[in-house]
Amino acid sequence: MKITYLGHASLSIEAHGQTLLVDPFITANKLAAHIDINTLEANYILLTHAHQDHILDVEAIAERTGAKIISNYEIVTHYEAKGLPGHPMNIGGSWQFDFGKLHMVNAIHTSSFADGSYGGNPAGFVIQTAHHKVYIAGDTALTYDMKLIPKLIGALDLAILPIGDNFTMGVDSAMVASDFVQCDTILGYHYDTFGYIEINHKKAIAKFAKQHKKLILLAIGSYVKI
C-alpha cells in the first residue's frame, strides 16, 4: 500500500490496483501549489465530512475521473444530485470493495457544507486489505470509541491522525489516541495549512519518540509505503 500526502488532510492511497483519494482540498492550499489536481488518478474518493477544507476539489476530480464518492448518506446524496456516482455508508457499517473492506468509524467533530446545509455526521475510515489495516481518523477529538477499532477490526499497521490542534486533536491527544488504537506508527495530518494549526515538527516527532512511537510527517507530494 502506497500513501501519498497531498497536504492538509488530503491523501492518495494505492491499494490492490485501485487509487483512493481522501478529502481532496488542494487548489486553495498554498502549501500544495505544486500538486496539479488534473494529473491525480482516482477510482474512489473518500470523504470524512462536508467542510470545505475537505471537499473543495471533489467535483472537479470526480467529473474528470468518474471516481465513486464514498461517504455518509447525506454527502453522497448531495453529490448524486449533481450526477456524480456514490456509495453511501454510515458509522458502524462496513462494505467489501475491490480494494478491500472499508469500515466507517466514529469521529467527534462537526459537518456542514459551505452554504451551511447539513453534512451528516463526521466519520473516520479503516481500510482493511488482505495484508494491511490503516485507520484514517478524519477530523476528530480524542474519543474512547477509538478503543473499539483494534478490538473489532484487529491490529493496525498505520494510524493517520490529525495533529494540528484547535479544530481537531493536537499532538498530545494524538499520542493518547495511538494508545487507544494500539498503533505506534502514526502518520500526522491536518496541520500547518492555516495559522491556527501550525506545529513545531521537531518537537512533535520528539514527543512521540519519547513514548517509543514513530510520528511520520511527510512533505507534500511525498509518500510512505507499508
Protein backbone atom coordinates (compact mmCIF):
# COMPACT_ATOMS: atom_id res chain seq x y z
CA MET A 1 0.00 0.00 0.00
CA LYS A 2 1.34 3.40 -1.02
CA ILE A 3 0.11 6.53 0.76
CA THR A 4 0.92 9.94 -0.71
CA TYR A 5 0.38 13.11 1.30
CA LEU A 6 -1.29 15.86 -0.73
CA GLY A 7 -1.40 18.45 2.03
CA HIS A 8 -3.82 19.30 4.86
CA ALA A 9 -5.98 16.16 5.24
CA SER A 10 -5.70 15.06 1.61
CA LEU A 11 -4.24 11.67 0.74
CA SER A 12 -3.82 9.42 -2.26
CA ILE A 13 -3.83 5.72 -1.35
CA GLU A 14 -2.96 2.94 -3.79
CA ALA A 15 -4.27 -0.47 -2.78
CA HIS A 16 -4.92 -3.60 -4.86
CA GLY A 17 -4.66 -1.72 -8.14
CA GLN A 18 -7.12 0.97 -7.09
CA THR A 19 -6.46 4.60 -6.15
CA LEU A 20 -8.39 6.21 -3.32
CA LEU A 21 -8.34 9.96 -2.76
CA VAL A 22 -9.20 11.13 0.74
CA ASP A 23 -10.68 14.59 1.45
CA PRO A 24 -9.26 16.44 -1.57
CA PHE A 25 -8.54 20.05 -0.61
CA ILE A 26 -5.67 21.09 -2.83
CA THR A 27 -6.30 24.03 -5.15
CA ALA A 28 -6.86 26.52 -2.30
CA ASN A 29 -3.94 25.23 -0.22
CA LYS A 30 -0.92 27.43 -0.94
CA LEU A 31 1.36 24.80 0.57
CA ALA A 32 0.19 22.33 -2.10
CA ALA A 33 0.57 24.69 -5.08
CA HIS A 34 2.84 22.16 -6.82
CA ILE A 35 0.11 19.48 -6.82
CA ASP A 36 -1.91 19.51 -10.06
CA ILE A 37 -5.35 18.00 -9.48
CA ASN A 38 -5.68 17.41 -13.23
CA THR A 39 -3.00 14.73 -13.00
CA LEU A 40 -4.41 12.92 -9.97
CA GLU A 41 -5.84 9.47 -10.54
CA ALA A 42 -8.87 8.28 -8.60
CA ASN A 43 -11.14 5.27 -8.61
CA TYR A 44 -12.75 6.29 -5.32
CA ILE A 45 -12.99 9.48 -3.27
CA LEU A 46 -13.40 9.02 0.48
CA LEU A 47 -14.92 11.97 2.37
CA THR A 48 -14.86 12.15 6.15
CA HIS A 49 -17.19 15.16 6.40
CA ALA A 50 -18.57 18.11 4.44
CA HIS A 51 -16.34 21.01 5.48
CA GLN A 52 -14.89 22.95 2.56
CA ASP A 53 -11.30 22.17 3.55
CA HIS A 54 -12.08 18.51 2.86
CA ILE A 55 -14.33 18.59 -0.21
CA LEU A 56 -13.18 21.60 -2.27
CA ASP A 57 -11.85 19.63 -5.26
CA VAL A 58 -14.27 16.71 -5.19
CA GLU A 59 -16.41 17.74 -8.15
CA ALA A 60 -13.53 18.59 -10.46
CA ILE A 61 -11.76 15.31 -9.78
CA ALA A 62 -14.88 13.13 -9.82
CA GLU A 63 -16.15 14.62 -13.08
CA ARG A 64 -12.80 14.01 -14.79
CA THR A 65 -12.07 10.55 -13.42
CA GLY A 66 -15.53 9.08 -12.84
CA ALA A 67 -14.43 8.18 -9.30
CA LYS A 68 -17.09 6.87 -6.94
CA ILE A 69 -17.64 9.01 -3.84
CA ILE A 70 -17.79 7.12 -0.54
CA SER A 71 -19.11 9.00 2.45
CA ASN A 72 -22.12 9.32 4.71
CA TYR A 73 -25.62 9.23 3.22
CA GLU A 74 -26.07 13.00 3.25
CA ILE A 75 -22.83 13.78 1.44
CA VAL A 76 -23.28 11.05 -1.15
CA THR A 77 -26.85 12.19 -1.81
CA HIS A 78 -25.58 15.76 -2.27
CA TYR A 79 -23.17 14.66 -5.00
CA GLU A 80 -25.51 12.17 -6.62
CA ALA A 81 -27.91 15.08 -7.18
CA LYS A 82 -25.09 16.62 -9.23
CA GLY A 83 -24.80 13.46 -11.31
CA LEU A 84 -21.74 12.04 -9.56
CA PRO A 85 -21.73 8.34 -8.56
CA GLY A 86 -21.51 7.42 -4.91
CA HIS A 87 -21.72 4.71 -2.30
CA PRO A 88 -23.43 5.83 0.95
CA MET A 89 -22.32 4.46 4.31
CA ASN A 90 -22.83 5.32 7.94
CA ILE A 91 -20.95 4.94 11.19
CA GLY A 92 -20.57 1.33 12.27
CA GLY A 93 -21.06 -0.01 8.76
CA SER A 94 -18.61 -1.93 6.57
CA TRP A 95 -18.55 -2.83 2.86
CA GLN A 96 -16.36 -5.03 0.71
CA PHE A 97 -14.96 -3.06 -2.23
CA ASP A 98 -12.49 -4.27 -4.86
CA PHE A 99 -9.62 -2.55 -2.98
CA GLY A 100 -10.55 -4.19 0.33
CA LYS A 101 -13.05 -3.91 3.15
CA LEU A 102 -13.92 -0.40 4.29
CA HIS A 103 -15.19 0.34 7.78
CA MET A 104 -16.77 3.69 8.70
CA VAL A 105 -15.99 4.63 12.30
CA ASN A 106 -16.94 7.41 14.66
CA ALA A 107 -15.37 10.88 14.72
CA ILE A 108 -16.23 13.77 17.01
CA HIS A 109 -16.37 16.99 15.01
CA THR A 110 -18.98 18.93 13.00
CA SER A 111 -20.06 18.62 9.37
CA SER A 112 -21.74 21.16 7.10
CA PHE A 113 -21.39 22.29 3.50
CA ALA A 114 -20.08 25.76 2.64
CA ASP A 115 -23.64 27.08 2.35
CA GLY A 116 -24.41 25.91 5.88
CA SER A 117 -26.55 22.93 4.85
CA TYR A 118 -26.36 19.71 6.83
CA GLY A 119 -23.45 17.43 6.02
CA GLY A 120 -24.38 14.42 8.14
CA ASN A 121 -22.20 13.02 10.90
CA PRO A 122 -18.41 13.24 10.60
CA ALA A 123 -16.59 9.93 10.40
CA GLY A 124 -13.29 8.16 10.01
CA PHE A 125 -12.39 5.07 7.97
CA VAL A 126 -10.43 1.88 8.41
CA ILE A 127 -9.16 0.38 5.16
CA GLN A 128 -8.67 -3.37 5.52
CA THR A 129 -6.90 -5.21 2.71
CA ALA A 130 -5.51 -8.73 2.56
CA HIS A 131 -2.25 -7.51 4.08
CA HIS A 132 -2.87 -4.19 5.86
CA LYS A 133 -5.22 -2.28 8.14
CA VAL A 134 -4.98 1.52 8.08
CA TYR A 135 -7.03 3.89 10.23
CA ILE A 136 -7.87 7.34 8.81
CA ALA A 137 -9.25 9.30 11.74
CA GLY A 138 -10.66 12.31 9.87
CA ASP A 139 -11.20 15.49 11.83
CA THR A 140 -11.84 14.36 15.38
CA ALA A 141 -11.36 14.91 19.04
CA LEU A 142 -9.89 12.16 21.18
CA THR A 143 -12.63 9.65 21.89
CA TYR A 144 -12.90 6.38 23.79
CA ASP A 145 -14.58 4.90 20.71
CA MET A 146 -11.09 4.57 19.23
CA LYS A 147 -10.52 1.67 21.60
CA LEU A 148 -13.13 -0.33 19.69
CA ILE A 149 -11.10 -0.30 16.47
CA PRO A 150 -8.41 -2.86 17.39
CA LYS A 151 -10.97 -4.83 19.39
CA LEU A 152 -13.35 -5.23 16.45
CA ILE A 153 -11.09 -4.92 13.38
CA GLY A 154 -7.71 -6.09 14.65
CA ALA A 155 -4.16 -4.77 14.83
CA LEU A 156 -3.43 -1.70 12.73
CA ASP A 157 -0.37 -1.18 10.55
CA LEU A 158 -0.76 2.60 10.49
CA ALA A 159 -2.93 5.24 12.12
CA ILE A 160 -3.41 8.54 10.28
CA LEU A 161 -4.26 11.14 12.91
CA PRO A 162 -4.89 14.89 12.91
CA ILE A 163 -2.27 16.70 14.98
CA GLY A 164 -2.80 20.41 14.31
CA ASP A 165 -4.92 21.15 17.41
CA ASN A 166 -7.53 23.95 17.67
CA PHE A 167 -10.04 22.29 15.26
CA THR A 168 -9.01 18.68 15.99
CA MET A 169 -6.73 16.70 18.25
CA GLY A 170 -3.29 18.11 18.87
CA VAL A 171 -0.03 16.23 19.33
CA ASP A 172 -0.65 15.26 22.97
CA SER A 173 -4.16 13.94 22.29
CA ALA A 174 -2.90 12.09 19.21
CA MET A 175 -0.36 10.27 21.36
CA VAL A 176 -3.18 9.07 23.61
CA ALA A 177 -5.20 8.15 20.51
CA SER A 178 -2.30 5.98 19.34
CA ASP A 179 -2.54 4.14 22.66
CA PHE A 180 -6.29 3.70 22.24
CA VAL A 181 -5.94 2.21 18.73
CA GLN A 182 -2.84 0.24 19.82
CA CYS A 183 -0.69 1.51 16.97
CA ASP A 184 2.75 3.05 17.45
CA THR A 185 3.28 4.13 13.84
CA ILE A 186 1.45 7.38 13.14
CA LEU A 187 1.14 9.49 10.02
CA GLY A 188 0.27 13.01 11.06
CA TYR A 189 -2.03 15.20 9.01
CA HIS A 190 -4.30 18.25 9.29
CA TYR A 191 -1.51 20.60 10.35
CA ASP A 192 0.33 23.74 9.11
CA THR A 193 -2.27 24.74 6.48
CA PHE A 194 -3.57 27.71 8.45
CA GLY A 195 -2.11 29.78 11.28
CA TYR A 196 -4.39 28.10 13.80
CA ILE A 197 -2.88 24.67 13.16
CA GLU A 198 0.82 25.32 12.64
CA ILE A 199 3.02 22.96 14.65
CA ASN A 200 6.68 22.54 15.59
CA HIS A 201 7.69 19.44 13.63
CA LYS A 202 10.82 18.60 15.63
CA LYS A 203 9.03 18.88 18.98
CA ALA A 204 6.10 16.78 17.77
CA ILE A 205 8.36 14.00 16.48
CA ALA A 206 10.39 14.09 19.69
CA LYS A 207 7.28 13.80 21.87
CA PHE A 208 6.21 10.65 20.04
CA ALA A 209 9.73 9.24 20.13
CA LYS A 210 9.87 9.73 23.89
CA GLN A 211 6.87 7.39 24.13
CA HIS A 212 8.61 4.89 21.79
CA LYS A 213 6.28 5.80 18.94
CA LYS A 214 7.06 6.91 15.37
CA LEU A 215 5.44 10.07 14.02
CA ILE A 216 5.76 10.42 10.25
CA LEU A 217 5.43 13.94 8.83
CA LEU A 218 5.60 13.80 5.04
CA ALA A 219 6.48 16.64 2.71
CA ILE A 220 3.52 17.41 0.45
CA GLY A 221 3.75 15.17 -2.59
CA SER A 222 5.92 12.55 -0.87
CA TYR A 223 4.78 9.10 0.18
CA VAL A 224 5.22 6.19 2.52
CA LYS A 225 4.82 2.51 1.69
CA ILE A 226 3.59 -0.13 4.13
